[in-house]
Structures are given as C-alpha cells and as structure tokens.
Amino acid sequence: MLLQLMSVVGALMVLAAYGLNQGGVWRELHAGYLTLNIVGSLMLGVVAIADQRAGFILLEFAWAGLGLVGVARVIRSRRQP
C-alpha cells in the first residue's frame, strides 16, 4: 500500500512540474519545478527498486540526475557577477 501511495504521489509531482512548465507558470530552472521533478522521480525510483524494474530504475534516477544538473546550473549562474 505504501509503495502504491509513493508511486502515485511521485507521478503527480513529476506531472505537476511538467504541467506548470508547459502552462508558463514555471521555467525549467525554477526551484519548484526542479524540486518536484527531483523528489517525484526519486520516489518513483524507490518504487522501481522495490518492484525490481530495471528500466524504470534507470529512467527515474536519470531523471533525478538531470534535475540535479539544473540545480547546478542555477547555483553556477548565481555565483557569476
């Protein structure tokens, strides 16, 4: 039951981030967009590990990694004068 809840919440987080981006509310480097993507994909990655789904493990942790690249871009841009 907990894994089902995690998978639904994680999916809703990723979908909400995408929807808000497509709706013009958030841009790709907005903190909320990055947070929803990273946390949602990590939650889905944990579910994929529990279910032993190799393809989904790769997908979700790659998605989280790409989100972290966005965080690094934001940090780097704030450090430049």
C-alpha atoms as a PDB file:
ATOM      1  CA  MET A   1       0.000   0.000   0.000  1.00  0.00           C
ATOM      2  CA  LEU A   2       2.813   2.429   0.877  1.00  0.00           C
ATOM      3  CA  LEU A   3       4.580   1.764  -2.444  1.00  0.00           C
ATOM      4  CA  GLN A   4       1.353   2.433  -4.328  1.00  0.00           C
ATOM      5  CA  LEU A   5       0.919   5.728  -2.499  1.00  0.00           C
ATOM      6  CA  MET A   6       4.554   6.677  -3.185  1.00  0.00           C
ATOM      7  CA  SER A   7       4.179   5.887  -6.869  1.00  0.00           C
ATOM      8  CA  VAL A   8       1.016   7.979  -7.223  1.00  0.00           C
ATOM      9  CA  VAL A   9       2.436  10.942  -5.291  1.00  0.00           C
ATOM     10  CA  GLY A  10       5.732  10.767  -7.193  1.00  0.00           C
ATOM     11  CA  ALA A  11       3.958  10.616 -10.543  1.00  0.00           C
ATOM     12  CA  LEU A  12       1.701  13.541  -9.606  1.00  0.00           C
ATOM     13  CA  MET A  13       4.752  15.586  -8.615  1.00  0.00           C
ATOM     14  CA  VAL A  14       6.514  14.986 -11.932  1.00  0.00           C
ATOM     15  CA  LEU A  15       3.329  15.619 -13.907  1.00  0.00           C
ATOM     16  CA  ALA A  16       2.540  18.791 -11.955  1.00  0.00           C
ATOM     17  CA  ALA A  17       6.017  20.163 -12.638  1.00  0.00           C
ATOM     18  CA  TYR A  18       5.652  19.414 -16.340  1.00  0.00           C
ATOM     19  CA  GLY A  19       2.155  20.898 -16.477  1.00  0.00           C
ATOM     20  CA  LEU A  20       3.210  24.087 -14.703  1.00  0.00           C
ATOM     21  CA  ASN A  21       6.160  24.382 -17.057  1.00  0.00           C
ATOM     22  CA  GLN A  22       4.004  23.884 -20.136  1.00  0.00           C
ATOM     23  CA  GLY A  23       1.459  26.341 -18.771  1.00  0.00           C
ATOM     24  CA  GLY A  24       4.141  29.012 -18.473  1.00  0.00           C
ATOM     25  CA  VAL A  25       3.890  29.216 -14.689  1.00  0.00           C
ATOM     26  CA  TRP A  26       7.386  27.819 -14.032  1.00  0.00           C
ATOM     27  CA  ARG A  27      10.510  27.750 -16.164  1.00  0.00           C
ATOM     28  CA  GLU A  28      12.970  24.858 -16.298  1.00  0.00           C
ATOM     29  CA  LEU A  29      15.277  26.346 -13.661  1.00  0.00           C
ATOM     30  CA  HIS A  30      12.545  27.389 -11.213  1.00  0.00           C
ATOM     31  CA  ALA A  31      13.159  25.931  -7.743  1.00  0.00           C
ATOM     32  CA  GLY A  32       9.660  24.449  -7.548  1.00  0.00           C
ATOM     33  CA  TYR A  33       9.975  22.790 -10.940  1.00  0.00           C
ATOM     34  CA  LEU A  34      13.333  21.257 -10.055  1.00  0.00           C
ATOM     35  CA  THR A  35      12.163  20.173  -6.615  1.00  0.00           C
ATOM     36  CA  LEU A  36       9.010  18.455  -7.854  1.00  0.00           C
ATOM     37  CA  ASN A  37      10.951  16.688 -10.599  1.00  0.00           C
ATOM     38  CA  ILE A  38      13.787  15.510  -8.381  1.00  0.00           C
ATOM     39  CA  VAL A  39      11.696  14.404  -5.402  1.00  0.00           C
ATOM     40  CA  GLY A  40       8.976  12.847  -7.572  1.00  0.00           C
ATOM     41  CA  SER A  41      11.454  10.886  -9.659  1.00  0.00           C
ATOM     42  CA  LEU A  42      13.351   9.703  -6.569  1.00  0.00           C
ATOM     43  CA  MET A  43      10.089   8.440  -5.080  1.00  0.00           C
ATOM     44  CA  LEU A  44       9.317   6.596  -8.300  1.00  0.00           C
ATOM     45  CA  GLY A  45      12.879   5.247  -8.331  1.00  0.00           C
ATOM     46  CA  VAL A  46      12.436   3.758  -4.865  1.00  0.00           C
ATOM     47  CA  VAL A  47       9.227   2.054  -6.031  1.00  0.00           C
ATOM     48  CA  ALA A  48      11.044   0.752  -9.119  1.00  0.00           C
ATOM     49  CA  ILE A  49      13.778  -0.726  -6.923  1.00  0.00           C
ATOM     50  CA  ALA A  50      11.203  -2.422  -4.697  1.00  0.00           C
ATOM     51  CA  ASP A  51       9.480  -3.847  -7.785  1.00  0.00           C
ATOM     52  CA  GLN A  52      12.838  -4.766  -9.411  1.00  0.00           C
ATOM     53  CA  ARG A  53      12.064  -2.879 -12.632  1.00  0.00           C
ATOM     54  CA  ALA A  54      15.470  -2.170 -14.181  1.00  0.00           C
ATOM     55  CA  GLY A  55      14.216   0.096 -16.958  1.00  0.00           C
ATOM     56  CA  PHE A  56      12.248   2.265 -14.573  1.00  0.00           C
ATOM     57  CA  ILE A  57      15.143   2.384 -12.114  1.00  0.00           C
ATOM     58  CA  LEU A  58      17.344   3.763 -14.885  1.00  0.00           C
ATOM     59  CA  LEU A  59      14.676   6.203 -16.065  1.00  0.00           C
ATOM     60  CA  GLU A  60      13.814   7.639 -12.668  1.00  0.00           C
ATOM     61  CA  PHE A  61      17.347   8.058 -11.372  1.00  0.00           C
ATOM     62  CA  ALA A  62      18.459   9.551 -14.700  1.00  0.00           C
ATOM     63  CA  TRP A  63      15.515  11.979 -14.434  1.00  0.00           C
ATOM     64  CA  ALA A  64      16.579  12.939 -10.906  1.00  0.00           C
ATOM     65  CA  GLY A  65      20.169  13.349 -12.112  1.00  0.00           C
ATOM     66  CA  LEU A  66      19.061  15.686 -14.871  1.00  0.00           C
ATOM     67  CA  GLY A  67      17.167  17.693 -12.282  1.00  0.00           C
ATOM     68  CA  LEU A  68      20.353  17.975 -10.253  1.00  0.00           C
ATOM     69  CA  VAL A  69      22.123  19.293 -13.350  1.00  0.00           C
ATOM     70  CA  GLY A  70      19.507  22.055 -13.392  1.00  0.00           C
ATOM     71  CA  VAL A  71      20.201  22.815  -9.733  1.00  0.00           C
ATOM     72  CA  ALA A  72      23.926  23.047 -10.523  1.00  0.00           C
ATOM     73  CA  ARG A  73      23.157  25.473 -13.370  1.00  0.00           C
ATOM     74  CA  VAL A  74      21.141  27.681 -11.021  1.00  0.00           C
ATOM     75  CA  ILE A  75      23.908  27.700  -8.402  1.00  0.00           C
ATOM     76  CA  ARG A  76      26.568  28.439 -11.005  1.00  0.00           C
ATOM     77  CA  SER A  77      24.555  31.305 -12.521  1.00  0.00           C
ATOM     78  CA  ARG A  78      24.078  32.906  -9.091  1.00  0.00           C
ATOM     79  CA  ARG A  79      27.807  32.864  -8.407  1.00  0.00           C
ATOM     80  CA  GLN A  80      28.690  34.734 -11.594  1.00  0.00           C
ATOM     81  CA  PRO A  81      28.708  38.544 -11.362  1.00  0.00           C
END
